[in-house]
Amino acid sequence: MLDPNTHELLQVGYSRRGSGGTLAAASRLAGEKAVAWAPLTGSGRQEHVLQELKDDLIGGYFYQMGKPPARQFAAEPSPSE
């Protein structure tokens, strides 16, 4: 999720509910948010694969910016959402 006003990355996550889960997570954060998601099929939907992708994205952002996404660890929804 991205804050369109500051262009700051707020949170990286995954949802087994696809775009519905992503939009539900965004709705829990105040203000307008930009949300992007990509559907995964087959083995890409396995829990450990999703977690690995998420961790890689957070790590890549931290490597470039020197800090985690702004809301990543503040109120992260559970993976079942």
PDB file of N, CA and C in Angstrom:
ATOM      1  N   MET A   1       0.844  -1.171   0.000  1.00  0.00           N
ATOM      2  CA  MET A   1       0.000   0.000   0.000  1.00  0.00           C
ATOM      3  C   MET A   1       0.885   1.228   0.000  1.00  0.00           C
ATOM      4  N   LEU A   2       0.454   2.230  -0.703  1.00  0.00           N
ATOM      5  CA  LEU A   2       1.221   3.449  -0.886  1.00  0.00           C
ATOM      6  C   LEU A   2       0.369   4.649  -0.494  1.00  0.00           C
ATOM      7  N   ASP A   3       0.987   5.615   0.181  1.00  0.00           N
ATOM      8  CA  ASP A   3       0.311   6.877   0.465  1.00  0.00           C
ATOM      9  C   ASP A   3       0.492   7.764  -0.767  1.00  0.00           C
ATOM     10  N   PRO A   4      -0.579   8.056  -1.498  1.00  0.00           N
ATOM     11  CA  PRO A   4      -0.438   8.821  -2.737  1.00  0.00           C
ATOM     12  C   PRO A   4       0.014  10.272  -2.514  1.00  0.00           C
ATOM     13  N   ASN A   5      -0.151  10.797  -1.326  1.00  0.00           N
ATOM     14  CA  ASN A   5       0.264  12.178  -1.064  1.00  0.00           C
ATOM     15  C   ASN A   5       1.763  12.294  -0.832  1.00  0.00           C
ATOM     16  N   THR A   6       2.327  11.338  -0.115  1.00  0.00           N
ATOM     17  CA  THR A   6       3.756  11.393   0.211  1.00  0.00           C
ATOM     18  C   THR A   6       4.579  10.426  -0.631  1.00  0.00           C
ATOM     19  N   HIS A   7       3.905   9.545  -1.378  1.00  0.00           N
ATOM     20  CA  HIS A   7       4.555   8.502  -2.168  1.00  0.00           C
ATOM     21  C   HIS A   7       5.376   7.569  -1.291  1.00  0.00           C
ATOM     22  N   GLU A   8       4.986   7.424  -0.028  1.00  0.00           N
ATOM     23  CA  GLU A   8       5.680   6.567   0.916  1.00  0.00           C
ATOM     24  C   GLU A   8       5.022   5.193   0.942  1.00  0.00           C
ATOM     25  N   LEU A   9       5.850   4.156   0.883  1.00  0.00           N
ATOM     26  CA  LEU A   9       5.335   2.804   1.004  1.00  0.00           C
ATOM     27  C   LEU A   9       4.892   2.577   2.438  1.00  0.00           C
ATOM     28  N   LEU A  10       3.651   2.147   2.617  1.00  0.00           N
ATOM     29  CA  LEU A  10       3.095   1.957   3.949  1.00  0.00           C
ATOM     30  C   LEU A  10       3.171   0.518   4.422  1.00  0.00           C
ATOM     31  N   GLN A  11       2.869  -0.414   3.546  1.00  0.00           N
ATOM     32  CA  GLN A  11       2.782  -1.795   3.987  1.00  0.00           C
ATOM     33  C   GLN A  11       2.893  -2.741   2.806  1.00  0.00           C
ATOM     34  N   VAL A  12       3.579  -3.866   3.023  1.00  0.00           N
ATOM     35  CA  VAL A  12       3.655  -4.964   2.069  1.00  0.00           C
ATOM     36  C   VAL A  12       2.970  -6.150   2.726  1.00  0.00           C
ATOM     37  N   GLY A  13       2.136  -6.845   2.001  1.00  0.00           N
ATOM     38  CA  GLY A  13       1.449  -7.985   2.590  1.00  0.00           C
ATOM     39  C   GLY A  13       0.946  -8.938   1.537  1.00  0.00           C
ATOM     40  N   TYR A  14       0.212  -9.929   1.979  1.00  0.00           N
ATOM     41  CA  TYR A  14      -0.423 -10.874   1.068  1.00  0.00           C
ATOM     42  C   TYR A  14      -1.766 -11.280   1.637  1.00  0.00           C
ATOM     43  N   SER A  15      -2.599 -11.791   0.765  1.00  0.00           N
ATOM     44  CA  SER A  15      -3.923 -12.225   1.187  1.00  0.00           C
ATOM     45  C   SER A  15      -4.322 -13.436   0.369  1.00  0.00           C
ATOM     46  N   ARG A  16      -4.835 -14.430   1.041  1.00  0.00           N
ATOM     47  CA  ARG A  16      -5.362 -15.591   0.319  1.00  0.00           C
ATOM     48  C   ARG A  16      -6.723 -15.277  -0.293  1.00  0.00           C
ATOM     49  N   ARG A  17      -7.267 -14.112   0.016  1.00  0.00           N
ATOM     50  CA  ARG A  17      -8.562 -13.698  -0.552  1.00  0.00           C
ATOM     51  C   ARG A  17      -8.380 -12.780  -1.754  1.00  0.00           C
ATOM     52  N   GLY A  18      -7.167 -12.640  -2.271  1.00  0.00           N
ATOM     53  CA  GLY A  18      -6.927 -11.832  -3.458  1.00  0.00           C
ATOM     54  C   GLY A  18      -7.161 -10.351  -3.209  1.00  0.00           C
ATOM     55  N   SER A  19      -7.742  -9.694  -4.173  1.00  0.00           N
ATOM     56  CA  SER A  19      -7.928  -8.246  -4.073  1.00  0.00           C
ATOM     57  C   SER A  19      -8.874  -7.872  -2.931  1.00  0.00           C
ATOM     58  N   GLY A  20      -9.819  -8.734  -2.603  1.00  0.00           N
ATOM     59  CA  GLY A  20     -10.741  -8.443  -1.497  1.00  0.00           C
ATOM     60  C   GLY A  20     -10.015  -8.294  -0.173  1.00  0.00           C
ATOM     61  N   GLY A  21      -9.073  -9.167   0.090  1.00  0.00           N
ATOM     62  CA  GLY A  21      -8.283  -9.081   1.315  1.00  0.00           C
ATOM     63  C   GLY A  21      -7.373  -7.872   1.328  1.00  0.00           C
ATOM     64  N   THR A  22      -6.822  -7.547   0.173  1.00  0.00           N
ATOM     65  CA  THR A  22      -5.948  -6.380   0.060  1.00  0.00           C
ATOM     66  C   THR A  22      -6.723  -5.101   0.316  1.00  0.00           C
ATOM     67  N   LEU A  23      -7.885  -4.989  -0.270  1.00  0.00           N
ATOM     68  CA  LEU A  23      -8.707  -3.793  -0.074  1.00  0.00           C
ATOM     69  C   LEU A  23      -9.220  -3.690   1.364  1.00  0.00           C
ATOM     70  N   ALA A  24      -9.516  -4.827   1.988  1.00  0.00           N
ATOM     71  CA  ALA A  24      -9.958  -4.813   3.386  1.00  0.00           C
ATOM     72  C   ALA A  24      -8.837  -4.300   4.287  1.00  0.00           C
ATOM     73  N   ALA A  25      -7.598  -4.739   4.034  1.00  0.00           N
ATOM     74  CA  ALA A  25      -6.459  -4.265   4.827  1.00  0.00           C
ATOM     75  C   ALA A  25      -6.252  -2.762   4.624  1.00  0.00           C
ATOM     76  N   ALA A  26      -6.391  -2.289   3.404  1.00  0.00           N
ATOM     77  CA  ALA A  26      -6.221  -0.859   3.122  1.00  0.00           C
ATOM     78  C   ALA A  26      -7.298  -0.034   3.799  1.00  0.00           C
ATOM     79  N   SER A  27      -8.490  -0.560   3.897  1.00  0.00           N
ATOM     80  CA  SER A  27      -9.592   0.202   4.496  1.00  0.00           C
ATOM     81  C   SER A  27      -9.385   0.422   5.994  1.00  0.00           C
ATOM     82  N   ARG A  28      -8.538  -0.398   6.619  1.00  0.00           N
ATOM     83  CA  ARG A  28      -8.269  -0.238   8.050  1.00  0.00           C
ATOM     84  C   ARG A  28      -7.286   0.900   8.338  1.00  0.00           C
ATOM     85  N   LEU A  29      -6.640   1.416   7.308  1.00  0.00           N
ATOM     86  CA  LEU A  29      -5.706   2.531   7.481  1.00  0.00           C
ATOM     87  C   LEU A  29      -6.418   3.830   7.126  1.00  0.00           C
ATOM     88  N   ALA A  30      -6.190   4.872   7.909  1.00  0.00           N
ATOM     89  CA  ALA A  30      -6.864   6.150   7.679  1.00  0.00           C
ATOM     90  C   ALA A  30      -6.353   6.804   6.392  1.00  0.00           C
ATOM     91  N   GLY A  31      -7.232   7.550   5.754  1.00  0.00           N
ATOM     92  CA  GLY A  31      -6.867   8.328   4.573  1.00  0.00           C
ATOM     93  C   GLY A  31      -6.884   7.510   3.291  1.00  0.00           C
ATOM     94  N   GLU A  32      -6.617   8.201   2.190  1.00  0.00           N
ATOM     95  CA  GLU A  32      -6.618   7.577   0.875  1.00  0.00           C
ATOM     96  C   GLU A  32      -5.340   6.778   0.675  1.00  0.00           C
ATOM     97  N   LYS A  33      -5.456   5.595   0.106  1.00  0.00           N
ATOM     98  CA  LYS A  33      -4.313   4.730  -0.128  1.00  0.00           C
ATOM     99  C   LYS A  33      -4.337   4.211  -1.559  1.00  0.00           C
ATOM    100  N   ALA A  34      -3.165   4.020  -2.134  1.00  0.00           N
ATOM    101  CA  ALA A  34      -3.039   3.353  -3.425  1.00  0.00           C
ATOM    102  C   ALA A  34      -2.664   1.907  -3.130  1.00  0.00           C
ATOM    103  N   VAL A  35      -3.346   0.975  -3.788  1.00  0.00           N
ATOM    104  CA  VAL A  35      -3.140  -0.440  -3.532  1.00  0.00           C
ATOM    105  C   VAL A  35      -2.842  -1.142  -4.845  1.00  0.00           C
ATOM    106  N   ALA A  36      -1.833  -2.003  -4.830  1.00  0.00           N
ATOM    107  CA  ALA A  36      -1.520  -2.826  -6.001  1.00  0.00           C
ATOM    108  C   ALA A  36      -1.469  -4.277  -5.543  1.00  0.00           C
ATOM    109  N   TRP A  37      -1.907  -5.171  -6.387  1.00  0.00           N
ATOM    110  CA  TRP A  37      -1.850  -6.585  -6.056  1.00  0.00           C
ATOM    111  C   TRP A  37      -1.675  -7.380  -7.334  1.00  0.00           C
ATOM    112  N   ALA A  38      -1.150  -8.579  -7.191  1.00  0.00           N
ATOM    113  CA  ALA A  38      -0.960  -9.474  -8.327  1.00  0.00           C
ATOM    114  C   ALA A  38      -1.472 -10.852  -7.937  1.00  0.00           C
ATOM    115  N   PRO A  39      -2.320 -11.448  -8.761  1.00  0.00           N
ATOM    116  CA  PRO A  39      -2.810 -12.789  -8.441  1.00  0.00           C
ATOM    117  C   PRO A  39      -1.716 -13.829  -8.665  1.00  0.00           C
ATOM    118  N   LEU A  40      -1.626 -14.800  -7.770  1.00  0.00           N
ATOM    119  CA  LEU A  40      -0.700 -15.908  -7.911  1.00  0.00           C
ATOM    120  C   LEU A  40      -1.504 -17.188  -8.049  1.00  0.00           C
ATOM    121  N   THR A  41      -1.004 -18.126  -8.813  1.00  0.00           N
ATOM    122  CA  THR A  41      -1.709 -19.385  -8.998  1.00  0.00           C
ATOM    123  C   THR A  41      -0.798 -20.548  -8.626  1.00  0.00           C
ATOM    124  N   GLY A  42      -1.373 -21.697  -8.484  1.00  0.00           N
ATOM    125  CA  GLY A  42      -0.620 -22.914  -8.217  1.00  0.00           C
ATOM    126  C   GLY A  42       0.235 -22.822  -6.971  1.00  0.00           C
ATOM    127  N   SER A  43       1.511 -23.223  -7.104  1.00  0.00           N
ATOM    128  CA  SER A  43       2.411 -23.261  -5.948  1.00  0.00           C
ATOM    129  C   SER A  43       2.691 -21.869  -5.400  1.00  0.00           C
ATOM    130  N   GLY A  44       2.461 -20.818  -6.175  1.00  0.00           N
ATOM    131  CA  GLY A  44       2.665 -19.444  -5.709  1.00  0.00           C
ATOM    132  C   GLY A  44       1.705 -19.038  -4.610  1.00  0.00           C
ATOM    133  N   ARG A  45       0.650 -19.821  -4.418  1.00  0.00           N
ATOM    134  CA  ARG A  45      -0.337 -19.496  -3.379  1.00  0.00           C
ATOM    135  C   ARG A  45      -0.064 -20.208  -2.062  1.00  0.00           C
ATOM    136  N   GLN A  46       0.967 -21.006  -2.005  1.00  0.00           N
ATOM    137  CA  GLN A  46       1.285 -21.695  -0.760  1.00  0.00           C
ATOM    138  C   GLN A  46       1.768 -20.674   0.263  1.00  0.00           C
ATOM    139  N   GLU A  47       1.388 -20.895   1.519  1.00  0.00           N
ATOM    140  CA  GLU A  47       1.672 -19.950   2.600  1.00  0.00           C
ATOM    141  C   GLU A  47       3.159 -19.578   2.674  1.00  0.00           C
ATOM    142  N   HIS A  48       4.034 -20.563   2.607  1.00  0.00           N
ATOM    143  CA  HIS A  48       5.466 -20.265   2.741  1.00  0.00           C
ATOM    144  C   HIS A  48       6.002 -19.473   1.552  1.00  0.00           C
ATOM    145  N   VAL A  49       5.428 -19.674   0.375  1.00  0.00           N
ATOM    146  CA  VAL A  49       5.850 -18.905  -0.806  1.00  0.00           C
ATOM    147  C   VAL A  49       5.404 -17.454  -0.667  1.00  0.00           C
ATOM    148  N   LEU A  50       4.161 -17.246  -0.232  1.00  0.00           N
ATOM    149  CA  LEU A  50       3.654 -15.891  -0.032  1.00  0.00           C
ATOM    150  C   LEU A  50       4.469 -15.142   1.016  1.00  0.00           C
ATOM    151  N   GLN A  51       4.797 -15.811   2.115  1.00  0.00           N
ATOM    152  CA  GLN A  51       5.591 -15.182   3.167  1.00  0.00           C
ATOM    153  C   GLN A  51       6.984 -14.832   2.662  1.00  0.00           C
ATOM    154  N   GLU A  52       7.588 -15.702   1.865  1.00  0.00           N
ATOM    155  CA  GLU A  52       8.919 -15.447   1.313  1.00  0.00           C
ATOM    156  C   GLU A  52       8.900 -14.231   0.382  1.00  0.00           C
ATOM    157  N   LEU A  53       7.892 -14.146  -0.470  1.00  0.00           N
ATOM    158  CA  LEU A  53       7.777 -12.992  -1.362  1.00  0.00           C
ATOM    159  C   LEU A  53       7.614 -11.696  -0.566  1.00  0.00           C
ATOM    160  N   LYS A  54       6.767 -11.742   0.440  1.00  0.00           N
ATOM    161  CA  LYS A  54       6.541 -10.570   1.296  1.00  0.00           C
ATOM    162  C   LYS A  54       7.835 -10.144   1.978  1.00  0.00           C
ATOM    163  N   ASP A  55       8.538 -11.107   2.558  1.00  0.00           N
ATOM    164  CA  ASP A  55       9.797 -10.794   3.247  1.00  0.00           C
ATOM    165  C   ASP A  55      10.829 -10.209   2.287  1.00  0.00           C
ATOM    166  N   ASP A  56      10.902 -10.735   1.073  1.00  0.00           N
ATOM    167  CA  ASP A  56      11.843 -10.217   0.082  1.00  0.00           C
ATOM    168  C   ASP A  56      11.519  -8.770  -0.294  1.00  0.00           C
ATOM    169  N   LEU A  57      10.246  -8.471  -0.443  1.00  0.00           N
ATOM    170  CA  LEU A  57       9.845  -7.097  -0.780  1.00  0.00           C
ATOM    171  C   LEU A  57      10.162  -6.125   0.351  1.00  0.00           C
ATOM    172  N   ILE A  58       9.884  -6.530   1.582  1.00  0.00           N
ATOM    173  CA  ILE A  58      10.201  -5.678   2.733  1.00  0.00           C
ATOM    174  C   ILE A  58      11.713  -5.482   2.831  1.00  0.00           C
ATOM    175  N   GLY A  59      12.474  -6.563   2.669  1.00  0.00           N
ATOM    176  CA  GLY A  59      13.926  -6.477   2.737  1.00  0.00           C
ATOM    177  C   GLY A  59      14.511  -5.596   1.645  1.00  0.00           C
ATOM    178  N   GLY A  60      13.987  -5.704   0.440  1.00  0.00           N
ATOM    179  CA  GLY A  60      14.451  -4.862  -0.660  1.00  0.00           C
ATOM    180  C   GLY A  60      14.174  -3.388  -0.403  1.00  0.00           C
ATOM    181  N   TYR A  61      12.996  -3.110   0.130  1.00  0.00           N
ATOM    182  CA  TYR A  61      12.656  -1.725   0.464  1.00  0.00           C
ATOM    183  C   TYR A  61      13.583  -1.198   1.554  1.00  0.00           C
ATOM    184  N   PHE A  62      13.811  -2.013   2.596  1.00  0.00           N
ATOM    185  CA  PHE A  62      14.684  -1.599   3.693  1.00  0.00           C
ATOM    186  C   PHE A  62      16.102  -1.359   3.182  1.00  0.00           C
ATOM    187  N   TYR A  63      16.579  -2.202   2.299  1.00  0.00           N
ATOM    188  CA  TYR A  63      17.926  -2.051   1.733  1.00  0.00           C
ATOM    189  C   TYR A  63      18.066  -0.715   1.000  1.00  0.00           C
ATOM    190  N   GLN A  64      17.038  -0.347   0.249  1.00  0.00           N
ATOM    191  CA  GLN A  64      17.083   0.897  -0.527  1.00  0.00           C
ATOM    192  C   GLN A  64      16.839   2.139   0.319  1.00  0.00           C
ATOM    193  N   MET A  65      15.913   2.055   1.263  1.00  0.00           N
ATOM    194  CA  MET A  65      15.461   3.238   1.986  1.00  0.00           C
ATOM    195  C   MET A  65      16.041   3.370   3.392  1.00  0.00           C
ATOM    196  N   GLY A  66      16.564   2.272   3.943  1.00  0.00           N
ATOM    197  CA  GLY A  66      17.124   2.308   5.286  1.00  0.00           C
ATOM    198  C   GLY A  66      16.088   2.270   6.399  1.00  0.00           C
ATOM    199  N   LYS A  67      14.843   1.958   6.054  1.00  0.00           N
ATOM    200  CA  LYS A  67      13.760   1.859   7.038  1.00  0.00           C
ATOM    201  C   LYS A  67      12.686   0.951   6.466  1.00  0.00           C
ATOM    202  N   PRO A  68      11.880   0.312   7.328  1.00  0.00           N
ATOM    203  CA  PRO A  68      10.793  -0.519   6.817  1.00  0.00           C
ATOM    204  C   PRO A  68       9.643   0.360   6.319  1.00  0.00           C
ATOM    205  N   PRO A  69       8.703  -0.224   5.557  1.00  0.00           N
ATOM    206  CA  PRO A  69       7.511   0.531   5.193  1.00  0.00           C
ATOM    207  C   PRO A  69       6.855   1.118   6.436  1.00  0.00           C
ATOM    208  N   ALA A  70       6.322   2.323   6.325  1.00  0.00           N
ATOM    209  CA  ALA A  70       5.856   3.125   7.461  1.00  0.00           C
ATOM    210  C   ALA A  70       4.896   2.403   8.403  1.00  0.00           C
ATOM    211  N   ARG A  71       3.978   1.625   7.887  1.00  0.00           N
ATOM    212  CA  ARG A  71       2.976   0.962   8.738  1.00  0.00           C
ATOM    213  C   ARG A  71       3.157  -0.546   8.787  1.00  0.00           C
ATOM    214  N   GLN A  72       4.294  -1.048   8.335  1.00  0.00           N
ATOM    215  CA  GLN A  72       4.472  -2.484   8.196  1.00  0.00           C
ATOM    216  C   GLN A  72       4.248  -3.243   9.492  1.00  0.00           C
ATOM    217  N   PHE A  73       4.793  -2.771  10.573  1.00  0.00           N
ATOM    218  CA  PHE A  73       4.737  -3.521  11.814  1.00  0.00           C
ATOM    219  C   PHE A  73       3.789  -2.895  12.832  1.00  0.00           C
ATOM    220  N   ALA A  74       3.063  -1.837  12.446  1.00  0.00           N
ATOM    221  CA  ALA A  74       2.167  -1.139  13.359  1.00  0.00           C
ATOM    222  C   ALA A  74       0.883  -1.938  13.603  1.00  0.00           C
ATOM    223  N   ALA A  75       0.240  -2.346  12.567  1.00  0.00           N
ATOM    224  CA  ALA A  75      -1.048  -3.057  12.711  1.00  0.00           C
ATOM    225  C   ALA A  75      -1.204  -4.034  11.564  1.00  0.00           C
ATOM    226  N   GLU A  76      -0.264  -4.942  11.450  1.00  0.00           N
ATOM    227  CA  GLU A  76      -0.270  -5.877  10.335  1.00  0.00           C
ATOM    228  C   GLU A  76      -1.374  -6.903  10.491  1.00  0.00           C
ATOM    229  N   PRO A  77      -2.229  -7.055   9.464  1.00  0.00           N
ATOM    230  CA  PRO A  77      -3.297  -8.055   9.553  1.00  0.00           C
ATOM    231  C   PRO A  77      -2.715  -9.457   9.529  1.00  0.00           C
ATOM    232  N   SER A  78      -3.456 -10.405  10.069  1.00  0.00           N
ATOM    233  CA  SER A  78      -2.996 -11.786  10.073  1.00  0.00           C
ATOM    234  C   SER A  78      -3.042 -12.344   8.662  1.00  0.00           C
ATOM    235  N   PRO A  79      -2.207 -13.359   8.343  1.00  0.00           N
ATOM    236  CA  PRO A  79      -2.184 -13.938   7.006  1.00  0.00           C
ATOM    237  C   PRO A  79      -3.506 -14.546   6.581  1.00  0.00           C
ATOM    238  N   SER A  80      -4.378 -14.889   7.502  1.00  0.00           N
ATOM    239  CA  SER A  80      -5.653 -15.496   7.135  1.00  0.00           C
ATOM    240  C   SER A  80      -6.646 -14.499   6.557  1.00  0.00           C
ATOM    241  N   GLU A  81      -6.319 -13.220   6.617  1.00  0.00           N
ATOM    242  CA  GLU A  81      -7.252 -12.195   6.118  1.00  0.00           C
ATOM    243  C   GLU A  81      -7.048 -11.982   4.635  1.00  0.00           C
TER     244      GLU A  81
END
